[in-house]
Amino acid sequence: MTVSRQVFVGRDAELAQLESSLVDAAGRRPATVMLGGEAGVGKSRLLQQFVAAARGERHGAFVLIGRCMDLAGGTVPYAPLVDALRRARAEGADGLSLGGSAYTALSGLIADFTGEQPAAGATAPGGSQLQVFGAVMRLLEQVGEQAPVVLVFEDVHWADPSTLDLVAFLTQAKSAERLLLVCSHRTNDRHGDGRLAALLAEPQFALGITPIELGRFSREELRDFLAEAGSGAPSRRDVDQVFQLSQGNPLFAAELLRTGAAAAAGGASVPERLRAIVLSRYQELSADGQQLMRVAAAAGQRIGGSLLMATSGLPPARLLEALRECVDGHALVVDRADGSYVFWHALLREAVYEDRILPLERSLLHARMAEAISEDGELGQVTGLSAKAALAYHWFQAGRKREALAAAIQAAEAAVDGRTYPEALLLYRRAVELWPAVPERDRPAGAEWTRLLTEAADAARWAGEVAYAVTLIERSIEATPSAELWERLGSYRWEAGDYPGSAEAYEQAAALMDGRPGGTTMARVRNGQAIAALQGDRYTEALALADEAQAIAAQAGNRDAESRALGIAGLALALLARPDEGVQRLRESIRIAQSIEHLEHLFRGYANLGVALEIAGRLRESVDVAIEGRNHARRLRLDRARQGAVLANNAAATLVLLGRWDEALAIIAEELPDRPVTETRFLRLTLADVQVARGEFDTARITLAEIQGPASPRFGGLRAVCAAELAYWDGRPAADVLAAVEDGFTALGGAANENTAVALQLCAAALRAWADESDARVRPGDRASREPAREQADALLRRADAAAAPQARELPEIRALIAWCEAERDRAAGAATPETWAAVAELWDAAERPYPAAYARFRAALTAWPKDRPAVRRHARAAAQTADELRARPLAARLEGLARLANFELRPAAGAPEAAAAPANPLTPRQREVLLLIEQRRLSDREIAEELHIAVKTVSRHLGDAGTVLDVKGRHVIAKIARQRGYLD
């Protein structure tokens, strides 16, 4: 991710405060704003935004901007005033001419700076301060009569004494100038000779200013900043890494992002452009102060006073003096909550640790700290790590591998007990890395390689590193193959999105169990096989296997496996169109998981319960359950685990069904950047569904391309449904839609597949394509022209009927899908009615599915045209309201086309009278063709038949029907009357 542009994020309140002060100034209530903040926090960016607003039409202010300068050799009197006037003159600012003699007087300051010849009447460089102040006041008065004046002095921490006197004078002068003075300055920095600090502490001055303290970004603000400044949405990991190092400082964050330093291993690389900024505080310290900073840097971002005393090597008196120096110089900050000492900025700690500690010194410091913490564990607790984690860190950095391995394993186990899985994973990674380097005799007693790998894998999956978990279990199987490990590998592969690999692992586990008695392992293996059957949409088989697993687990007294079996059986029952039974078993699964505190089964239970409720048509409950589970995972800091993505997808997918698309997209945007494609296929498919419905066809094609490849039958079928929708709404030929549908049926895998809903969605997409094909081929009065499409539609309807299992027909979604299929088949046969489509819309309404209901109303309106114009308007407007709310642009465009054809206002203003409709053209397209050939070319019926490639009798019938409609007789008379009435235009 790279920084692409300057952005303005998170400073709306401060910007509003500045604009409010400008409004006061415009009303002749002059104001002074002191804008403070540390270097890089965004003071200049805020001022740029404010200056642009001040110069805009709303305020119309005259703005002067000048900057103070940090000059080692001395100062320039009134430097920011001179800079402001010089810049304004260079830019040709008209407002300066309004200053008249006052500006002429001040031009001497510019001349002195640039070496120019001063103008007549200019103030001499050595003129009195009173002369300068008087000229400034006159200038502000004269310019202010035409427009409010904003005078900006940047970086006044470097201000010369004359400038500070001018700031104090303008702030405390009791005048009516239309002036807003804004001074920016650094806080918590040692600059100049302390005059600015003294001025800010002066009571009379303090009462006359509005202080604005610009703080660092919060994590959320930083995420928005990175998203706006970068080339794409940042992942949570990107945000965490940049936030950890930058601590919310925008300049530091942008530089870390630009250089990629935050992504470096350990986040330990400080970009060169920041090194000098952060190390300046270190370099100003005495030798003892610098030594103290190096000791603190070895400890981490914070260190307690007791650990400093134990490890600094300084006598108490010198230690206290050095500590006071570091605090006064704002290199360290006291945390009043626990009395620890924290680095002013994380980058300062990184820079000191990288650049100012020699390798040998580093090893000695870490060893000294590890020994001190080993003697007194409380010494390590204020470093931000547990005592065990601190020991593991320091022994590792000291190069003491034996001690580091033992400490890492102990600390990792403690982190798992505390459910801090990211920390546990970091420690387990270190232990796995150290294991081969430590001789067997020096390894901790009782430690085993296979156990270490499996425990590390479990921490990895809960920390959201599923791919690493798979790798660790595969390494464990290489060392010691067992049914238990193969079963675990099947579970992790499923979480990683490797469904074929998951099924293979479960089969391997079952093969190793062949001939062995039942028990906990057998129950887990049967559960694994049941999951594989679910992945293959073989729900009856999955239910049988789950029931067997539950019986085995109950006999063995294993509540863990029993909870899992109940969850699998509950989902299988729901998918077999028995959702009420499924919900009952799933709630029991969740109850057991809660009682034994089994998080895996708990979150899987939440996810499966949401699916069961969706199938039952209880969509709002489904969303609530998914969000409840997701929030629970967040409270436990487990939302980065695979189950967090499953719950996020369940919530997003159901929100899309409910028409709450923006809520769904917010969830998807939060999840996608953090996870690999294999773990987010369903999330990306949900995103593609919305992209298609909103007409973002190119983006949808990219999204669908990302999620190609092996997956479960259900996913393959749903992806094909989305591809068919894309082809349809993008105006592709019917053949493209039908090809996508066939891909979907291939993915489902034939009769063994029991996924009724997906099969019906595919049938509906294909029937719609054949109905469109029939409409394209139809010739008025010639029902035979519909025959090819009608035959295909009949065949598809039989396929849809076969897909709809009897018990599924009572589910809201299945009822609506069957009705949709039947309506499309009727349309292909030329037999659809507005009432048919209105009934389909009502079924979708009952299922709480606004988008397909709007499509059905569009069809109802189109079918009602031209015979029932009130029905056309009623159905079209209802559909347009939904399309507008969802921003479903392709559907809205078709409705707009219908409204133009029927000549009515699709979105009438409230209370507006109905526009008079133009009379409908009662002639069919073919009747108009016949009459045009009679009128323009005087052709006979036989000649017309040859021209149009139709029978002579058909020509005669078209003429007769047209005469009946127009109530006249005679072929030429019919043509003449049709022309007069505008039916041939």
Foldseek 3Di string as FASTA:
>chain_A
DAFDDDDDFDCVVVLVVLVVQLVCLLVLNEAEEEEEAAPLQQPVVSVVVNVVVCCDPVAVAAEFFFEADQDPVDGQAPRRVLRRLVVCVVVVPPLQVQLPLLSLQCVQSNCVVVVHDRDPSHPHPPHDLVSNLVSVVSSQQRSQVVHQYEYEYEACLNPDPSNVVSVQCVQQDPGRGSYYYYYYHYPLADGDDCPVVVQCPPVSSVVRHHYHYRYFDDLVRQQVSCCVRDDHRAAPLLSVLLCQAFVRRNRQSNVCRNVVLSVPVVSQDRDPVCLCVLCVLLVVADPLLVLLLQLQLLLAQKFAPVLSVQQSPDPPVSNVVSVVSCCSNQQWDADVVRRIIGGSGNNSSSSCNPPVADLQNSLVSLVSSLVVCVVPVVRNPVSVAHSLLSNLVSCVSNVVLLSNLVSLVVRLVVCVVLLVLVSSLVSLVSNLVSVVVDDPVSHDPPDDQLVSLQSSLVSCQLLQNLVSSLVSLVVSCVVPNALQSLLVNLVSCVLLLNLVSSLVSLVVSVVRCVPPDFEDSNLSSLLSNLVSCVLLQLLVSSLVSLVVSLVSCVVNVNLLSNLSSLQSNLLSCLQLLNLVSSLVSLVVSLVSCVVVVPLVSNLSSLLSNLVSCLQQLNLVVSLVSLVVSLVVCVVSPRCSRLSVLSSLLSNLLSCVQLLVNVVSVVSLSNPPNHHQCSSNVSSLLSVLQLCLLLVVLVVSVVSLVRNDDDGGLVSQLSSLLSQLSSCVLVVHALVSNLVSLVSSVVSSPPDSRLRLLSLLSSLLSNLLNLLVVLVVQDDPPCLVSLVVSLVVLVVSLVVNVVNQDPSSCPRLSNVLSNLSSVQSSCSSSVRHALVSLQVSLVSSVSSSRLQVSLVSLCVSLVRCPPPDNVSNLVSLLSSLVSCVSSSSPSSNVSSVVVCVLFVWDSDDDPPDDTDDTDDDQPADPVLLLLLCCCAPVVDDLVVSCVVVVHDSVVSVVSQVVLCVVVVHDDSNVSSVVCVVVPNND
